[in-house]
Amino acid sequence: MDSETRKVIFQLRKIADQGESTEDEDMTDIDDDVDFEDSDREQKLVGDPKIISQLASMQGRELESKLISDSTKKSVLMLGEFKSGANFVSQIINQRSDALYLFEPLSPFGTSCNKEKEVKTHVLYQLNKCKFPNQEEIFAKRGNSKSWTASICTDHRICFRHRSRALIRPPFCKKPFPNEDKLKQAEALSKCGPVNIRTAEEYCQDAAIVGAKVHRICDFEEVKNLASNPNADWKFIFVVRDPRAIFASLEHAKSESGKIETLCNQLNANMNYLLNPTSSNWIKKKLLIIRFEDLLLKKKSVINNTNQFLGLDASEDVSNWFDANTKDTLNNWKTRLSSSQLQEVQKRCATAMSYLGYKHIAAKAVKSSSTEETLATNWPQSTATTVNEKL
């Protein structure tokens, strides 16, 4: 299915599903499908589930203690599987008045997770320095200056700026929009013009934190160089979501990235990296796992934990946004998956689901099941005990 057809399908489905604003409904998810490394070989999880639960909690958490100079910019990178709800979780930072937060700044580099890794890392490194790439040069060098993504990024000068709260308010626009969450890219461009990069650099320098959400990094090892930079204060947030809900969303959007084995293998690969003390020691004090469902169920706790992790004060703007925009979409997947799809996801993602507090359920019982029957609501405290009992 070509890109233009997927966009049409996406818009039609958005019209039919006006109530599901808590899922990733960004055109960045439709322009191209993320090219994860595909393999039919099932990834097995090996390691203590307590490692995962500890990374999802701030209780007794030891954070990095290195001295950071006043001139060092706090930076956060939001990572997650396709349709994980990372857009929604991103609002914890994006809605802050003292933040500059971008969505998919790596879009110019295509959909592959396995190409141009060093260049993409450099773009993120420059973001920490409040430097923004020249979009026209990037697309010209890559030979795809006629693509839909190219037109959006070059016209606005920063990709998908309409999602960034800071870039659709003064000083980038004359006045705030009355309904920012429904703002279209064309309207942002016509009323605000392209982003003034010099102004963006100055705004970034004054911001308490700069950050971005990316889908196009699929391996924690890719951001290791960012974390090892002694002159930068990088933190990472890994958004996870019930694989059954992710697959249901992918199927609903008719995404070609929706193969069950691809979804589960990618999740397992990332979790195996975190479970391996040899490879992941560097990230233990720099990573927070956020379960999408927890932000719906106990948003105040998740927001407070995130602020503590990032060293930020509470923001009334953030609280107000989530109070106005949080909707109960926890169980929508239960009516979207066929029995065979449900069984396949639960089979291939079984261990990862257990580690993350997602409960197995029989196909005949799923439609009438409660949230508690498919989700451990006291996760991460319950994870280690539950998994060890099953093992």
Protein backbone atom coordinates (compact mmCIF):
# COMPACT_ATOMS: atom_id res chain seq x y z
CA MET A 1 0.00 0.00 0.00
CA ASP A 2 1.53 3.36 -0.99
CA SER A 3 1.98 6.30 1.38
CA GLU A 4 -0.82 8.43 -0.07
CA THR A 5 -3.36 5.61 0.26
CA ARG A 6 -2.37 5.04 3.90
CA LYS A 7 -2.90 8.75 4.61
CA VAL A 8 -6.43 8.65 3.17
CA ILE A 9 -7.30 5.55 5.21
CA PHE A 10 -5.85 7.18 8.31
CA GLN A 11 -7.96 10.34 7.92
CA LEU A 12 -11.15 8.34 7.35
CA ARG A 13 -10.50 6.27 10.46
CA LYS A 14 -9.79 9.41 12.49
CA ILE A 15 -13.20 10.76 11.53
CA ALA A 16 -14.78 7.52 12.72
CA ASP A 17 -12.80 7.43 15.98
CA GLN A 18 -12.99 10.94 17.35
CA GLY A 19 -12.96 9.66 20.93
CA GLU A 20 -9.53 8.01 20.92
CA SER A 21 -7.23 10.98 21.33
CA THR A 22 -4.98 9.13 23.76
CA GLU A 23 -3.58 6.90 21.05
CA ASP A 24 -0.82 8.02 18.67
CA GLU A 25 -2.84 9.80 16.00
CA ASP A 26 0.00 11.67 14.36
CA MET A 27 0.53 11.78 10.61
CA THR A 28 4.16 10.95 11.37
CA ASP A 29 2.91 7.42 11.98
CA ILE A 30 1.26 7.23 8.56
CA ASP A 31 3.71 8.92 6.19
CA ASP A 32 5.90 5.83 6.20
CA ASP A 33 6.04 2.60 8.14
CA VAL A 34 8.99 2.16 10.44
CA ASP A 35 11.28 -0.48 9.04
CA PHE A 36 12.09 -2.64 12.04
CA GLU A 37 14.45 -5.51 11.50
CA ASP A 38 12.13 -8.36 10.62
CA SER A 39 12.76 -11.90 11.74
CA ASP A 40 10.59 -14.93 12.28
CA ARG A 41 12.98 -16.14 14.97
CA GLU A 42 11.35 -15.58 18.33
CA GLN A 43 13.34 -13.52 20.82
CA LYS A 44 13.46 -15.14 24.25
CA LEU A 45 13.73 -13.02 27.38
CA VAL A 46 16.56 -13.93 29.73
CA GLY A 47 17.03 -12.11 33.03
CA ASP A 48 15.57 -11.11 36.36
CA PRO A 49 12.17 -9.37 35.96
CA LYS A 50 13.05 -7.21 38.97
CA ILE A 51 15.42 -5.28 36.71
CA ILE A 52 12.51 -4.15 34.56
CA SER A 53 10.29 -3.29 37.51
CA GLN A 54 13.08 -1.25 39.13
CA LEU A 55 13.47 0.80 35.95
CA ALA A 56 9.75 1.60 36.10
CA SER A 57 9.77 2.88 39.66
CA MET A 58 11.27 5.86 41.50
CA GLN A 59 11.06 4.08 44.85
CA GLY A 60 14.57 3.64 46.22
CA ARG A 61 15.91 4.76 42.85
CA GLU A 62 19.53 5.90 42.66
CA LEU A 63 19.89 8.47 39.91
CA GLU A 64 23.05 9.70 38.31
CA SER A 65 25.08 11.82 40.71
CA LYS A 66 27.64 13.44 38.39
CA LEU A 67 28.00 17.19 38.68
CA ILE A 68 26.21 19.11 35.93
CA SER A 69 27.20 22.71 35.19
CA ASP A 70 24.59 25.44 35.01
CA SER A 71 25.20 25.74 31.26
CA THR A 72 24.42 22.05 30.61
CA LYS A 73 20.99 21.56 29.07
CA LYS A 74 18.66 18.94 30.52
CA SER A 75 17.58 16.73 27.63
CA VAL A 76 15.13 13.86 27.35
CA LEU A 77 14.50 11.36 24.58
CA MET A 78 11.17 9.52 24.48
CA LEU A 79 11.42 6.06 22.91
CA GLY A 80 8.66 3.56 22.25
CA GLU A 81 7.31 0.91 19.94
CA PHE A 82 5.09 1.99 17.06
CA LYS A 83 1.64 2.99 18.40
CA SER A 84 2.86 2.70 22.00
CA GLY A 85 1.14 5.89 23.13
CA ALA A 86 4.42 7.83 23.23
CA ASN A 87 2.72 10.93 21.79
CA PHE A 88 0.38 10.99 24.77
CA VAL A 89 3.11 10.38 27.33
CA SER A 90 5.17 13.11 25.65
CA GLN A 91 2.70 15.71 26.87
CA ILE A 92 4.25 15.44 30.34
CA ILE A 93 7.12 17.47 28.87
CA ASN A 94 5.52 19.09 25.82
CA GLN A 95 2.86 20.94 27.83
CA ARG A 96 5.40 22.60 30.10
CA SER A 97 5.88 26.33 29.54
CA ASP A 98 9.61 25.93 30.25
CA ALA A 99 10.26 23.17 27.70
CA LEU A 100 11.03 22.86 24.00
CA TYR A 101 9.86 19.46 22.81
CA LEU A 102 9.96 18.10 19.26
CA PHE A 103 8.14 15.26 17.54
CA GLU A 104 10.00 12.97 15.15
CA PRO A 105 13.02 15.20 14.41
CA LEU A 106 14.59 12.17 12.68
CA SER A 107 11.84 11.98 10.04
CA PRO A 108 14.13 13.27 7.26
CA PHE A 109 16.23 10.11 7.56
CA GLY A 110 13.52 7.74 6.41
CA THR A 111 11.88 4.86 8.16
CA SER A 112 14.72 2.42 8.70
CA CYS A 113 15.98 1.84 12.22
CA ASN A 114 19.19 0.38 10.84
CA LYS A 115 20.51 3.12 8.53
CA GLU A 116 22.37 6.40 9.13
CA LYS A 117 22.63 5.73 12.84
CA GLU A 118 25.59 8.04 13.38
CA VAL A 119 23.94 10.92 11.51
CA LYS A 120 20.73 10.56 13.50
CA THR A 121 22.66 10.49 16.76
CA HIS A 122 24.45 13.68 15.69
CA VAL A 123 21.11 15.44 15.10
CA LEU A 124 20.05 14.56 18.65
CA TYR A 125 23.46 15.64 19.99
CA GLN A 126 22.94 19.01 18.30
CA LEU A 127 19.46 19.29 19.80
CA ASN A 128 21.07 19.24 23.25
CA LYS A 129 23.17 22.19 22.03
CA CYS A 130 20.05 23.97 20.75
CA LYS A 131 21.12 23.58 17.13
CA PHE A 132 18.61 22.60 14.47
CA PRO A 133 19.48 20.97 11.12
CA ASN A 134 18.85 22.58 7.74
CA GLN A 135 15.94 20.52 6.44
CA GLU A 136 16.42 21.41 2.77
CA GLU A 137 20.04 20.26 2.84
CA ILE A 138 19.13 16.96 4.52
CA PHE A 139 16.43 16.06 2.02
CA ALA A 140 18.53 17.20 -0.94
CA LYS A 141 21.45 15.00 0.12
CA ARG A 142 19.14 12.02 0.57
CA GLY A 143 17.44 12.53 -2.81
CA ASN A 144 13.89 12.58 -1.41
CA SER A 145 13.13 16.30 -1.48
CA LYS A 146 9.79 15.68 -3.24
CA SER A 147 8.29 13.48 -0.52
CA TRP A 148 5.37 14.47 1.71
CA THR A 149 7.63 14.49 4.76
CA ALA A 150 10.12 16.72 2.96
CA SER A 151 7.47 19.31 2.12
CA ILE A 152 6.26 19.42 5.72
CA CYS A 153 9.72 19.65 7.29
CA THR A 154 11.14 22.18 4.84
CA ASP A 155 8.05 24.42 4.81
CA HIS A 156 7.99 24.62 8.60
CA ARG A 157 11.81 24.31 9.02
CA ILE A 158 11.20 21.97 11.96
CA CYS A 159 9.37 18.70 11.33
CA PHE A 160 5.82 18.49 12.69
CA ARG A 161 6.11 21.74 14.61
CA HIS A 162 2.31 21.84 14.97
CA ARG A 163 2.68 19.17 17.70
CA SER A 164 5.19 21.21 19.69
CA ARG A 165 3.44 23.46 22.19
CA ALA A 166 6.26 25.99 22.27
CA LEU A 167 6.40 26.40 18.48
CA ILE A 168 2.72 27.32 18.03
CA ARG A 169 2.71 30.05 20.66
CA PRO A 170 4.45 33.43 20.94
CA PRO A 171 7.14 34.29 19.98
CA PHE A 172 6.65 31.89 17.03
CA CYS A 173 3.00 32.83 16.49
CA LYS A 174 1.29 36.13 17.20
CA LYS A 175 -1.13 34.54 19.66
CA PRO A 176 -2.02 31.06 20.95
CA PHE A 177 -4.53 28.95 19.07
CA PRO A 178 -7.86 28.30 20.85
CA ASN A 179 -7.65 24.53 20.32
CA GLU A 180 -4.01 23.55 19.97
CA ASP A 181 -4.61 19.80 20.06
CA LYS A 182 -6.64 19.93 16.84
CA LEU A 183 -4.30 22.29 15.02
CA LYS A 184 -3.49 21.29 11.44
CA GLN A 185 -0.05 21.75 9.93
CA ALA A 186 -1.38 23.96 7.14
CA GLU A 187 -3.10 26.30 9.61
CA ALA A 188 0.05 26.59 11.72
CA LEU A 189 2.05 27.51 8.64
CA SER A 190 -0.46 30.01 7.25
CA LYS A 191 -0.92 31.87 10.56
CA CYS A 192 2.57 31.59 12.02
CA GLY A 193 4.84 31.18 9.03
CA PRO A 194 7.91 28.93 9.12
CA VAL A 195 9.80 28.60 12.40
CA ASN A 196 12.48 31.26 12.84
CA ILE A 197 15.49 29.07 13.63
CA ARG A 198 17.41 31.82 15.41
CA THR A 199 14.41 32.43 17.66
CA ALA A 200 14.11 28.68 18.26
CA GLU A 201 17.76 28.50 19.30
CA GLU A 202 17.32 31.38 21.73
CA TYR A 203 14.11 29.88 23.12
CA CYS A 204 15.85 26.54 23.56
CA GLN A 205 18.74 28.12 25.44
CA ASP A 206 16.30 29.63 27.96
CA ALA A 207 14.24 26.44 28.33
CA ALA A 208 14.64 24.30 31.45
CA ILE A 209 14.59 21.16 29.32
CA VAL A 210 14.71 20.18 25.65
CA GLY A 211 13.42 16.86 24.35
CA ALA A 212 12.03 14.80 21.52
CA LYS A 213 9.90 11.76 20.77
CA VAL A 214 11.30 9.40 18.18
CA HIS A 215 10.16 6.13 16.59
CA ARG A 216 13.17 5.81 14.34
CA ILE A 217 15.59 4.58 16.99
CA CYS A 218 14.92 0.95 17.79
CA ASP A 219 17.98 -0.02 19.84
CA PHE A 220 19.15 1.50 23.12
CA GLU A 221 22.75 1.04 22.01
CA GLU A 222 22.19 3.75 19.39
CA VAL A 223 21.87 6.45 22.06
CA LYS A 224 24.76 5.29 24.21
CA ASN A 225 27.05 8.00 22.80
CA LEU A 226 24.55 10.65 23.86
CA ALA A 227 24.56 9.38 27.43
CA SER A 228 28.35 9.16 27.61
CA ASN A 229 28.83 12.82 26.68
CA PRO A 230 30.17 14.48 29.89
CA ASN A 231 28.88 17.87 28.77
CA ALA A 232 25.25 16.81 28.36
CA ASP A 233 22.54 15.72 30.79
CA TRP A 234 20.56 13.15 28.79
CA LYS A 235 17.72 11.06 30.21
CA PHE A 236 15.63 8.46 28.38
CA ILE A 237 12.01 7.41 28.77
CA PHE A 238 10.89 4.08 27.32
CA VAL A 239 7.12 3.94 26.78
CA VAL A 240 5.57 0.48 26.81
CA ARG A 241 2.00 -0.57 26.13
CA ASP A 242 0.01 -3.79 26.08
CA PRO A 243 1.14 -5.54 22.86
CA ARG A 244 -2.48 -6.54 22.24
CA ALA A 245 -3.50 -2.90 22.20
CA ILE A 246 -0.55 -1.92 20.00
CA PHE A 247 -1.39 -4.61 17.46
CA ALA A 248 -5.08 -3.65 17.49
CA SER A 249 -4.13 -0.03 16.75
CA LEU A 250 -1.80 -1.07 13.95
CA GLU A 251 -4.50 -3.25 12.42
CA HIS A 252 -7.05 -0.45 12.79
CA ALA A 253 -4.75 1.94 10.89
CA LYS A 254 -3.92 -0.81 8.36
CA SER A 255 -0.23 -0.25 9.00
CA GLU A 256 2.20 -2.52 7.21
CA SER A 257 4.36 -2.55 10.35
CA GLY A 258 1.74 -4.62 12.13
CA LYS A 259 3.19 -8.11 11.93
CA ILE A 260 2.82 -9.76 15.31
CA GLU A 261 6.24 -11.38 15.26
CA THR A 262 7.89 -8.05 14.38
CA LEU A 263 6.09 -6.29 17.21
CA CYS A 264 6.96 -8.89 19.84
CA ASN A 265 10.54 -9.42 18.67
CA GLN A 266 11.28 -5.69 18.81
CA LEU A 267 9.85 -5.41 22.32
CA ASN A 268 11.73 -8.51 23.47
CA ALA A 269 15.00 -7.26 21.96
CA ASN A 270 14.77 -3.96 23.83
CA MET A 271 13.89 -5.67 27.09
CA ASN A 272 16.71 -8.19 26.68
CA TYR A 273 19.12 -5.30 26.32
CA LEU A 274 17.92 -3.87 29.62
CA LEU A 275 18.05 -7.28 31.28
CA ASN A 276 21.69 -7.80 30.28
CA PRO A 277 23.90 -6.13 32.92
CA THR A 278 26.94 -6.29 30.65
CA SER A 279 25.41 -4.18 27.88
CA SER A 280 23.06 -1.91 29.80
CA ASN A 281 24.84 -0.74 32.95
CA TRP A 282 25.32 2.69 31.39
CA ILE A 283 21.58 3.30 31.08
CA LYS A 284 20.33 2.09 34.47
CA LYS A 285 20.44 5.55 36.09
CA LYS A 286 19.32 7.33 32.94
CA LEU A 287 16.19 5.38 31.96
CA LEU A 288 12.60 5.42 33.19
CA ILE A 289 10.04 2.94 31.87
CA ILE A 290 6.50 4.34 31.67
CA ARG A 291 3.58 2.05 31.00
CA PHE A 292 1.01 3.86 28.87
CA GLU A 293 -1.89 2.37 30.82
CA ASP A 294 -0.58 3.76 34.10
CA LEU A 295 -0.79 7.30 32.78
CA LEU A 296 -4.49 6.71 32.17
CA LEU A 297 -5.11 5.02 35.53
CA LYS A 298 -2.89 7.03 37.88
CA LYS A 299 -1.71 10.04 35.96
CA LYS A 300 -0.73 12.13 38.99
CA SER A 301 1.69 9.47 40.21
CA VAL A 302 3.22 8.96 36.75
CA ILE A 303 3.62 12.71 36.20
CA ASN A 304 5.23 13.16 39.62
CA ASN A 305 7.62 10.25 38.99
CA THR A 306 8.60 11.70 35.63
CA ASN A 307 9.27 15.13 37.13
CA GLN A 308 11.37 13.55 39.86
CA PHE A 309 13.31 11.51 37.33
CA LEU A 310 14.02 14.57 35.17
CA GLY A 311 14.66 16.92 38.08
CA LEU A 312 11.76 19.22 37.21
CA ASP A 313 9.23 21.07 39.33
CA ALA A 314 5.54 20.34 39.00
CA SER A 315 3.68 22.14 36.20
CA GLU A 316 0.06 23.22 36.48
CA ASP A 317 -0.14 23.38 32.67
CA VAL A 318 0.66 19.68 32.47
CA SER A 319 -1.90 18.71 35.11
CA ASN A 320 -4.60 20.79 33.43
CA TRP A 321 -3.87 19.27 30.02
CA PHE A 322 -4.17 15.69 31.27
CA ASP A 323 -7.32 16.49 33.23
CA ALA A 324 -8.90 17.77 30.02
CA ASN A 325 -7.57 15.16 27.59
CA THR A 326 -7.38 11.81 29.39
CA LYS A 327 -9.99 9.36 28.11
CA ASP A 328 -10.60 5.73 29.00
CA THR A 329 -9.29 3.76 26.02
CA LEU A 330 -7.78 0.92 28.07
CA ASN A 331 -10.11 -1.79 26.82
CA ASN A 332 -10.71 -0.74 23.22
CA TRP A 333 -8.43 -3.46 21.89
CA LYS A 334 -10.71 -6.16 23.30
CA THR A 335 -13.27 -5.69 20.53
CA ARG A 336 -10.77 -5.22 17.71
CA LEU A 337 -8.75 -8.44 17.80
CA SER A 338 -9.94 -11.75 16.45
CA SER A 339 -9.49 -14.85 18.60
CA SER A 340 -6.56 -16.00 16.46
CA GLN A 341 -4.86 -12.60 16.65
CA LEU A 342 -5.28 -12.47 20.42
CA GLN A 343 -3.83 -15.95 20.84
CA GLU A 344 -0.90 -15.19 18.55
CA VAL A 345 0.05 -11.95 20.35
CA GLN A 346 -0.22 -13.60 23.76
CA LYS A 347 1.90 -16.53 22.56
CA ARG A 348 4.70 -14.51 20.97
CA CYS A 349 4.80 -11.76 23.63
CA ALA A 350 4.01 -14.00 26.61
CA THR A 351 7.10 -13.40 28.74
CA ALA A 352 7.36 -9.69 27.93
CA MET A 353 3.71 -9.27 28.86
CA SER A 354 4.32 -11.01 32.20
CA TYR A 355 7.36 -8.85 32.93
CA LEU A 356 5.30 -5.72 32.23
CA GLY A 357 2.18 -6.71 34.12
CA TYR A 358 -0.10 -7.63 31.21
CA LYS A 359 -2.24 -10.68 32.04
CA HIS A 360 -3.10 -13.56 29.70
CA ILE A 361 -6.81 -14.01 29.03
CA ALA A 362 -8.82 -16.64 27.20
CA ALA A 363 -10.27 -15.51 23.87
CA LYS A 364 -13.83 -16.41 24.90
CA ALA A 365 -13.58 -14.21 28.01
CA VAL A 366 -11.82 -11.16 26.60
CA LYS A 367 -14.78 -9.01 25.52
CA SER A 368 -16.46 -9.14 28.93
CA SER A 369 -13.24 -8.90 30.95
CA SER A 370 -12.48 -6.07 33.36
CA THR A 371 -9.33 -3.98 33.31
CA GLU A 372 -7.99 -5.87 36.34
CA GLU A 373 -8.36 -9.19 34.52
CA THR A 374 -5.96 -8.15 31.76
CA LEU A 375 -3.75 -5.62 33.57
CA ALA A 376 -1.83 -5.74 36.85
CA THR A 377 -2.84 -2.34 38.15
CA ASN A 378 -0.28 -2.44 40.99
CA TRP A 379 2.64 -2.91 38.60
CA PRO A 380 5.64 -2.68 38.94
CA GLN A 381 5.46 -3.88 42.54
CA SER A 382 3.68 -7.09 41.53
CA THR A 383 5.82 -8.00 38.51
CA ALA A 384 8.66 -9.95 40.05
CA THR A 385 6.42 -12.11 42.20
CA THR A 386 4.00 -12.87 39.38
CA VAL A 387 6.68 -13.80 36.85
CA ASN A 388 8.67 -15.92 39.28
CA GLU A 389 5.56 -17.89 40.17
CA LYS A 390 4.94 -18.62 36.46
CA LEU A 391 8.57 -19.57 35.87
